[in-house]
Amino acid sequence: PAWTSIGLTVTLQAMEPQISTRQLAGWLQDELA
């Protein structure tokens, strides 16, 4: 489970632009304020 937890976490981090708007919201606030 330690191995699978690490794998799941890094996968979610890599997928963040597809599954979360955190980066998108940051760009909107910086560039399209």
All heavy atoms as atom14 arrays in JSON, in Angstrom:
{
  "sequence": "PAWTSIGLTVTLQAMEPQISTRQLAGWLQDELA",
  "atom14_mask": [
    [1, 1, 1, 1, 1, 1, 1, 0, 0, 0, 0, 0, 0, 0],
    [1, 1, 1, 1, 1, 0, 0, 0, 0, 0, 0, 0, 0, 0],
    [1, 1, 1, 1, 1, 1, 1, 1, 1, 1, 1, 1, 1, 1],
    [1, 1, 1, 1, 1, 1, 1, 0, 0, 0, 0, 0, 0, 0],
    [1, 1, 1, 1, 1, 1, 0, 0, 0, 0, 0, 0, 0, 0],
    [1, 1, 1, 1, 1, 1, 1, 1, 0, 0, 0, 0, 0, 0],
    [1, 1, 1, 1, 0, 0, 0, 0, 0, 0, 0, 0, 0, 0],
    [1, 1, 1, 1, 1, 1, 1, 1, 0, 0, 0, 0, 0, 0],
    [1, 1, 1, 1, 1, 1, 1, 0, 0, 0, 0, 0, 0, 0],
    [1, 1, 1, 1, 1, 1, 1, 0, 0, 0, 0, 0, 0, 0],
    [1, 1, 1, 1, 1, 1, 1, 0, 0, 0, 0, 0, 0, 0],
    [1, 1, 1, 1, 1, 1, 1, 1, 0, 0, 0, 0, 0, 0],
    [1, 1, 1, 1, 1, 1, 1, 1, 1, 0, 0, 0, 0, 0],
    [1, 1, 1, 1, 1, 0, 0, 0, 0, 0, 0, 0, 0, 0],
    [1, 1, 1, 1, 1, 1, 1, 1, 0, 0, 0, 0, 0, 0],
    [1, 1, 1, 1, 1, 1, 1, 1, 1, 0, 0, 0, 0, 0],
    [1, 1, 1, 1, 1, 1, 1, 0, 0, 0, 0, 0, 0, 0],
    [1, 1, 1, 1, 1, 1, 1, 1, 1, 0, 0, 0, 0, 0],
    [1, 1, 1, 1, 1, 1, 1, 1, 0, 0, 0, 0, 0, 0],
    [1, 1, 1, 1, 1, 1, 0, 0, 0, 0, 0, 0, 0, 0],
    [1, 1, 1, 1, 1, 1, 1, 0, 0, 0, 0, 0, 0, 0],
    [1, 1, 1, 1, 1, 1, 1, 1, 1, 1, 1, 0, 0, 0],
    [1, 1, 1, 1, 1, 1, 1, 1, 1, 0, 0, 0, 0, 0],
    [1, 1, 1, 1, 1, 1, 1, 1, 0, 0, 0, 0, 0, 0],
    [1, 1, 1, 1, 1, 0, 0, 0, 0, 0, 0, 0, 0, 0],
    [1, 1, 1, 1, 0, 0, 0, 0, 0, 0, 0, 0, 0, 0],
    [1, 1, 1, 1, 1, 1, 1, 1, 1, 1, 1, 1, 1, 1],
    [1, 1, 1, 1, 1, 1, 1, 1, 0, 0, 0, 0, 0, 0],
    [1, 1, 1, 1, 1, 1, 1, 1, 1, 0, 0, 0, 0, 0],
    [1, 1, 1, 1, 1, 1, 1, 1, 0, 0, 0, 0, 0, 0],
    [1, 1, 1, 1, 1, 1, 1, 1, 1, 0, 0, 0, 0, 0],
    [1, 1, 1, 1, 1, 1, 1, 1, 0, 0, 0, 0, 0, 0],
    [1, 1, 1, 1, 1, 0, 0, 0, 0, 0, 0, 0, 0, 0]
  ],
  "atom14_positions": [
    [[0.81, -1.22, 0.0], [0.0, 0.0, 0.0], [0.84, 1.26, 0.0], [0.4, 2.3, -0.53], [-0.85, -0.12, 1.27], [-0.15, -1.12, 2.12], [0.53, -2.06, 1.18], [0.0, 0.0, 0.0], [0.0, 0.0, 0.0], [0.0, 0.0, 0.0], [0.0, 0.0, 0.0], [0.0, 0.0, 0.0], [0.0, 0.0, 0.0], [0.0, 0.0, 0.0]],
    [[2.05, 1.2, 0.57], [2.94, 2.37, 0.5], [3.28, 2.68, -0.96], [3.25, 3.85, -1.39], [4.21, 2.12, 1.31], [0.0, 0.0, 0.0], [0.0, 0.0, 0.0], [0.0, 0.0, 0.0], [0.0, 0.0, 0.0], [0.0, 0.0, 0.0], [0.0, 0.0, 0.0], [0.0, 0.0, 0.0], [0.0, 0.0, 0.0], [0.0, 0.0, 0.0]],
    [[3.59, 1.65, -1.73], [3.92, 1.82, -3.15], [2.73, 2.34, -3.95], [2.85, 3.26, -4.75], [4.41, 0.49, -3.72], [4.79, 0.51, -5.16], [4.07, -0.03, -6.21], [5.96, 1.07, -5.75], [4.73, 0.15, -7.4], [5.9, 0.84, -7.15], [7.06, 1.74, -5.23], [6.89, 1.25, -8.03], [8.06, 2.16, -6.11], [7.97, 1.92, -7.48]],
    [[1.55, 1.74, -3.71], [0.37, 2.17, -4.46], [-0.04, 3.59, -4.08], [-0.5, 4.35, -4.93], [-0.81, 1.2, -4.23], [-1.07, 1.08, -2.82], [-0.49, -0.17, -4.79], [0.0, 0.0, 0.0], [0.0, 0.0, 0.0], [0.0, 0.0, 0.0], [0.0, 0.0, 0.0], [0.0, 0.0, 0.0], [0.0, 0.0, 0.0], [0.0, 0.0, 0.0]],
    [[0.14, 3.98, -2.82], [-0.2, 5.33, -2.39], [0.69, 6.36, -3.07], [0.21, 7.42, -3.52], [-0.09, 5.47, -0.87], [-1.03, 4.66, -0.22], [0.0, 0.0, 0.0], [0.0, 0.0, 0.0], [0.0, 0.0, 0.0], [0.0, 0.0, 0.0], [0.0, 0.0, 0.0], [0.0, 0.0, 0.0], [0.0, 0.0, 0.0], [0.0, 0.0, 0.0]],
    [[1.97, 6.06, -3.15], [2.89, 6.96, -3.85], [2.51, 7.06, -5.33], [2.47, 8.16, -5.9], [4.34, 6.47, -3.68], [4.78, 6.59, -2.22], [5.29, 7.27, -4.59], [6.11, 5.92, -1.92], [0.0, 0.0, 0.0], [0.0, 0.0, 0.0], [0.0, 0.0, 0.0], [0.0, 0.0, 0.0], [0.0, 0.0, 0.0], [0.0, 0.0, 0.0]],
    [[2.23, 5.91, -5.94], [1.84, 5.92, -7.34], [0.57, 6.72, -7.59], [0.49, 7.49, -8.57], [0.0, 0.0, 0.0], [0.0, 0.0, 0.0], [0.0, 0.0, 0.0], [0.0, 0.0, 0.0], [0.0, 0.0, 0.0], [0.0, 0.0, 0.0], [0.0, 0.0, 0.0], [0.0, 0.0, 0.0], [0.0, 0.0, 0.0], [0.0, 0.0, 0.0]],
    [[-0.42, 6.58, -6.71], [-1.67, 7.32, -6.86], [-1.45, 8.82, -6.7], [-1.98, 9.63, -7.47], [-2.69, 6.83, -5.84], [-4.06, 7.52, -5.84], [-4.75, 7.32, -7.18], [-4.94, 6.98, -4.71], [0.0, 0.0, 0.0], [0.0, 0.0, 0.0], [0.0, 0.0, 0.0], [0.0, 0.0, 0.0], [0.0, 0.0, 0.0], [0.0, 0.0, 0.0]],
    [[-0.63, 9.21, -5.72], [-0.39, 10.63, -5.46], [0.3, 11.31, -6.63], [-0.12, 12.38, -7.09], [0.44, 10.81, -4.18], [-0.29, 10.26, -3.07], [0.7, 12.29, -3.91], [0.0, 0.0, 0.0], [0.0, 0.0, 0.0], [0.0, 0.0, 0.0], [0.0, 0.0, 0.0], [0.0, 0.0, 0.0], [0.0, 0.0, 0.0], [0.0, 0.0, 0.0]],
    [[1.37, 10.7, -7.14], [2.1, 11.34, -8.24], [1.26, 11.35, -9.52], [1.38, 12.26, -10.35], [3.47, 10.67, -8.49], [4.35, 10.8, -7.25], [3.33, 9.21, -8.88], [0.0, 0.0, 0.0], [0.0, 0.0, 0.0], [0.0, 0.0, 0.0], [0.0, 0.0, 0.0], [0.0, 0.0, 0.0], [0.0, 0.0, 0.0], [0.0, 0.0, 0.0]],
    [[0.38, 10.35, -9.69], [-0.51, 10.34, -10.85], [-1.51, 11.49, -10.76], [-1.75, 12.2, -11.75], [-1.25, 9.0, -10.95], [-0.3, 7.94, -11.1], [-2.2, 8.99, -12.13], [0.0, 0.0, 0.0], [0.0, 0.0, 0.0], [0.0, 0.0, 0.0], [0.0, 0.0, 0.0], [0.0, 0.0, 0.0], [0.0, 0.0, 0.0], [0.0, 0.0, 0.0]],
    [[-2.09, 11.7, -9.59], [-3.03, 12.8, -9.42], [-2.34, 14.15, -9.64], [-2.92, 15.07, -10.22], [-3.65, 12.75, -8.02], [-4.68, 11.64, -7.78], [-5.07, 11.58, -6.32], [-5.9, 11.83, -8.65], [0.0, 0.0, 0.0], [0.0, 0.0, 0.0], [0.0, 0.0, 0.0], [0.0, 0.0, 0.0], [0.0, 0.0, 0.0], [0.0, 0.0, 0.0]],
    [[-1.09, 14.27, -9.18], [-0.36, 15.52, -9.39], [-0.13, 15.77, -10.88], [-0.26, 16.9, -11.36], [0.97, 15.47, -8.63], [0.79, 15.54, -7.13], [2.07, 15.27, -6.37], [3.04, 14.74, -6.92], [2.11, 15.62, -5.09], [0.0, 0.0, 0.0], [0.0, 0.0, 0.0], [0.0, 0.0, 0.0], [0.0, 0.0, 0.0], [0.0, 0.0, 0.0]],
    [[0.2, 14.7, -11.62], [0.42, 14.86, -13.06], [-0.87, 15.16, -13.8], [-0.87, 15.89, -14.8], [1.06, 13.58, -13.62], [0.0, 0.0, 0.0], [0.0, 0.0, 0.0], [0.0, 0.0, 0.0], [0.0, 0.0, 0.0], [0.0, 0.0, 0.0], [0.0, 0.0, 0.0], [0.0, 0.0, 0.0], [0.0, 0.0, 0.0], [0.0, 0.0, 0.0]],
    [[-1.98, 14.63, -13.31], [-3.27, 14.83, -13.97], [-3.96, 16.11, -13.55], [-5.06, 16.41, -14.04], [-4.19, 13.64, -13.66], [-3.76, 12.32, -14.25], [-4.9, 10.98, -13.78], [-6.41, 11.53, -14.58], [0.0, 0.0, 0.0], [0.0, 0.0, 0.0], [0.0, 0.0, 0.0], [0.0, 0.0, 0.0], [0.0, 0.0, 0.0], [0.0, 0.0, 0.0]],
    [[-3.36, 16.88, -12.67], [-4.06, 18.02, -12.08], [-4.69, 18.97, -13.1], [-5.84, 19.4, -12.9], [-3.13, 18.8, -11.14], [-3.85, 19.92, -10.42], [-2.99, 20.57, -9.35], [-2.5, 19.85, -8.47], [-2.82, 21.8, -9.42], [0.0, 0.0, 0.0], [0.0, 0.0, 0.0], [0.0, 0.0, 0.0], [0.0, 0.0, 0.0], [0.0, 0.0, 0.0]],
    [[-4.03, 19.31, -14.21], [-4.7, 20.21, -15.17], [-5.99, 19.64, -15.74], [-6.86, 20.4, -16.17], [-3.64, 20.39, -16.27], [-2.34, 20.12, -15.59], [-2.62, 19.04, -14.6], [0.0, 0.0, 0.0], [0.0, 0.0, 0.0], [0.0, 0.0, 0.0], [0.0, 0.0, 0.0], [0.0, 0.0, 0.0], [0.0, 0.0, 0.0], [0.0, 0.0, 0.0]],
    [[-6.13, 18.3, -15.76], [-7.35, 17.69, -16.29], [-8.42, 17.48, -15.22], [-9.61, 17.38, -15.56], [-7.03, 16.32, -16.92], [-6.35, 16.39, -18.27], [-4.87, 16.72, -18.16], [-4.19, 16.24, -17.27], [-4.37, 17.55, -19.06], [0.0, 0.0, 0.0], [0.0, 0.0, 0.0], [0.0, 0.0, 0.0], [0.0, 0.0, 0.0], [0.0, 0.0, 0.0]],
    [[-8.05, 17.41, -13.95], [-9.02, 17.03, -12.91], [-9.23, 18.11, -11.86], [-10.02, 17.93, -10.94], [-8.56, 15.73, -12.2], [-7.18, 15.92, -11.56], [-8.55, 14.56, -13.19], [-6.69, 14.69, -10.8], [0.0, 0.0, 0.0], [0.0, 0.0, 0.0], [0.0, 0.0, 0.0], [0.0, 0.0, 0.0], [0.0, 0.0, 0.0], [0.0, 0.0, 0.0]],
    [[-8.56, 19.24, -12.0], [-8.71, 20.35, -11.05], [-8.49, 21.66, -11.8], [-7.74, 21.71, -12.78], [-7.71, 20.23, -9.9], [-7.76, 21.38, -9.06], [0.0, 0.0, 0.0], [0.0, 0.0, 0.0], [0.0, 0.0, 0.0], [0.0, 0.0, 0.0], [0.0, 0.0, 0.0], [0.0, 0.0, 0.0], [0.0, 0.0, 0.0], [0.0, 0.0, 0.0]],
    [[-9.12, 22.72, -11.31], [-8.94, 24.04, -11.95], [-7.94, 24.91, -11.21], [-7.89, 26.11, -11.44], [-10.29, 24.78, -12.03], [-10.77, 25.05, -10.71], [-11.33, 23.98, -12.81], [0.0, 0.0, 0.0], [0.0, 0.0, 0.0], [0.0, 0.0, 0.0], [0.0, 0.0, 0.0], [0.0, 0.0, 0.0], [0.0, 0.0, 0.0], [0.0, 0.0, 0.0]],
    [[-7.13, 24.33, -10.33], [-6.2, 25.15, -9.55], [-5.26, 25.94, -10.46], [-5.11, 27.16, -10.31], [-5.4, 24.28, -8.57], [-4.4, 25.11, -7.76], [-3.87, 24.36, -6.56], [-3.03, 23.23, -6.9], [-2.3, 22.57, -5.99], [-2.33, 22.93, -4.72], [-1.57, 21.54, -6.37], [0.0, 0.0, 0.0], [0.0, 0.0, 0.0], [0.0, 0.0, 0.0]],
    [[-4.61, 25.28, -11.41], [-3.7, 25.98, -12.31], [-4.45, 26.94, -13.22], [-4.0, 28.05, -13.49], [-2.91, 24.97, -13.14], [-1.98, 24.08, -12.31], [-1.24, 23.08, -13.17], [-1.09, 23.26, -14.37], [-0.77, 22.0, -12.55], [0.0, 0.0, 0.0], [0.0, 0.0, 0.0], [0.0, 0.0, 0.0], [0.0, 0.0, 0.0], [0.0, 0.0, 0.0]],
    [[-5.61, 26.51, -13.7], [-6.42, 27.35, -14.56], [-6.87, 28.62, -13.85], [-6.8, 29.73, -14.41], [-7.64, 26.55, -15.03], [-8.69, 27.27, -15.88], [-8.06, 27.83, -17.15], [-9.83, 26.32, -16.21], [0.0, 0.0, 0.0], [0.0, 0.0, 0.0], [0.0, 0.0, 0.0], [0.0, 0.0, 0.0], [0.0, 0.0, 0.0], [0.0, 0.0, 0.0]],
    [[-7.31, 28.48, -12.61], [-7.73, 29.65, -11.84], [-6.57, 30.6, -11.6], [-6.74, 31.84, -11.67], [-8.34, 29.21, -10.51], [0.0, 0.0, 0.0], [0.0, 0.0, 0.0], [0.0, 0.0, 0.0], [0.0, 0.0, 0.0], [0.0, 0.0, 0.0], [0.0, 0.0, 0.0], [0.0, 0.0, 0.0], [0.0, 0.0, 0.0], [0.0, 0.0, 0.0]],
    [[-5.39, 30.06, -11.34], [-4.22, 30.92, -11.16], [-3.91, 31.72, -12.41], [-3.58, 32.92, -12.33], [0.0, 0.0, 0.0], [0.0, 0.0, 0.0], [0.0, 0.0, 0.0], [0.0, 0.0, 0.0], [0.0, 0.0, 0.0], [0.0, 0.0, 0.0], [0.0, 0.0, 0.0], [0.0, 0.0, 0.0], [0.0, 0.0, 0.0], [0.0, 0.0, 0.0]],
    [[-4.02, 31.07, -13.57], [-3.76, 31.79, -14.83], [-4.82, 32.88, -15.06], [-4.5, 33.99, -15.48], [-3.76, 30.8, -15.98], [-3.42, 31.44, -17.3], [-2.16, 31.68, -17.8], [-4.34, 31.92, -18.29], [-2.25, 32.29, -19.03], [-3.57, 32.45, -19.35], [-5.72, 31.96, -18.37], [-4.15, 33.01, -20.48], [-6.3, 32.51, -19.49], [-5.52, 33.04, -20.55]],
    [[-6.08, 32.56, -14.79], [-7.15, 33.56, -14.95], [-6.92, 34.77, -14.06], [-7.09, 35.93, -14.48], [-8.51, 32.93, -14.63], [-9.05, 31.9, -15.62], [-10.27, 31.19, -15.05], [-9.4, 32.55, -16.96], [0.0, 0.0, 0.0], [0.0, 0.0, 0.0], [0.0, 0.0, 0.0], [0.0, 0.0, 0.0], [0.0, 0.0, 0.0], [0.0, 0.0, 0.0]],
    [[-6.51, 34.53, -12.82], [-6.3, 35.63, -11.89], [-5.07, 36.46, -12.26], [-5.06, 37.68, -12.05], [-6.16, 35.08, -10.46], [-7.47, 34.53, -9.92], [-7.29, 33.68, -8.67], [-6.25, 33.05, -8.47], [-8.3, 33.66, -7.81], [0.0, 0.0, 0.0], [0.0, 0.0, 0.0], [0.0, 0.0, 0.0], [0.0, 0.0, 0.0], [0.0, 0.0, 0.0]],
    [[-4.07, 35.83, -12.85], [-2.84, 36.55, -13.22], [-2.99, 37.28, -14.55], [-2.54, 38.42, -14.7], [-1.66, 35.58, -13.29], [-1.27, 35.04, -11.93], [-1.62, 35.68, -10.91], [-0.63, 33.97, -11.88], [0.0, 0.0, 0.0], [0.0, 0.0, 0.0], [0.0, 0.0, 0.0], [0.0, 0.0, 0.0], [0.0, 0.0, 0.0], [0.0, 0.0, 0.0]],
    [[-3.58, 36.6, -15.53], [-3.58, 37.12, -16.9], [-4.88, 37.8, -17.32], [-4.87, 38.67, -18.2], [-3.28, 35.97, -17.88], [-1.97, 35.25, -17.62], [-0.76, 36.16, -17.8], [-0.83, 37.1, -18.6], [0.25, 35.92, -17.11], [0.0, 0.0, 0.0], [0.0, 0.0, 0.0], [0.0, 0.0, 0.0], [0.0, 0.0, 0.0], [0.0, 0.0, 0.0]],
    [[-5.99, 37.41, -16.74], [-7.29, 37.96, -17.17], [-8.03, 38.62, -16.01], [-9.26, 38.54, -15.92], [-8.15, 36.86, -17.79], [-7.58, 36.15, -19.02], [-8.57, 35.11, -19.54], [-7.23, 37.14, -20.13], [0.0, 0.0, 0.0], [0.0, 0.0, 0.0], [0.0, 0.0, 0.0], [0.0, 0.0, 0.0], [0.0, 0.0, 0.0], [0.0, 0.0, 0.0]],
    [[-7.29, 39.24, -15.14], [-7.91, 39.9, -13.99], [-8.86, 40.99, -14.47], [-8.59, 41.7, -15.44], [-6.83, 40.51, -13.1], [0.0, 0.0, 0.0], [0.0, 0.0, 0.0], [0.0, 0.0, 0.0], [0.0, 0.0, 0.0], [0.0, 0.0, 0.0], [0.0, 0.0, 0.0], [0.0, 0.0, 0.0], [0.0, 0.0, 0.0], [0.0, 0.0, 0.0]]
  ]
}
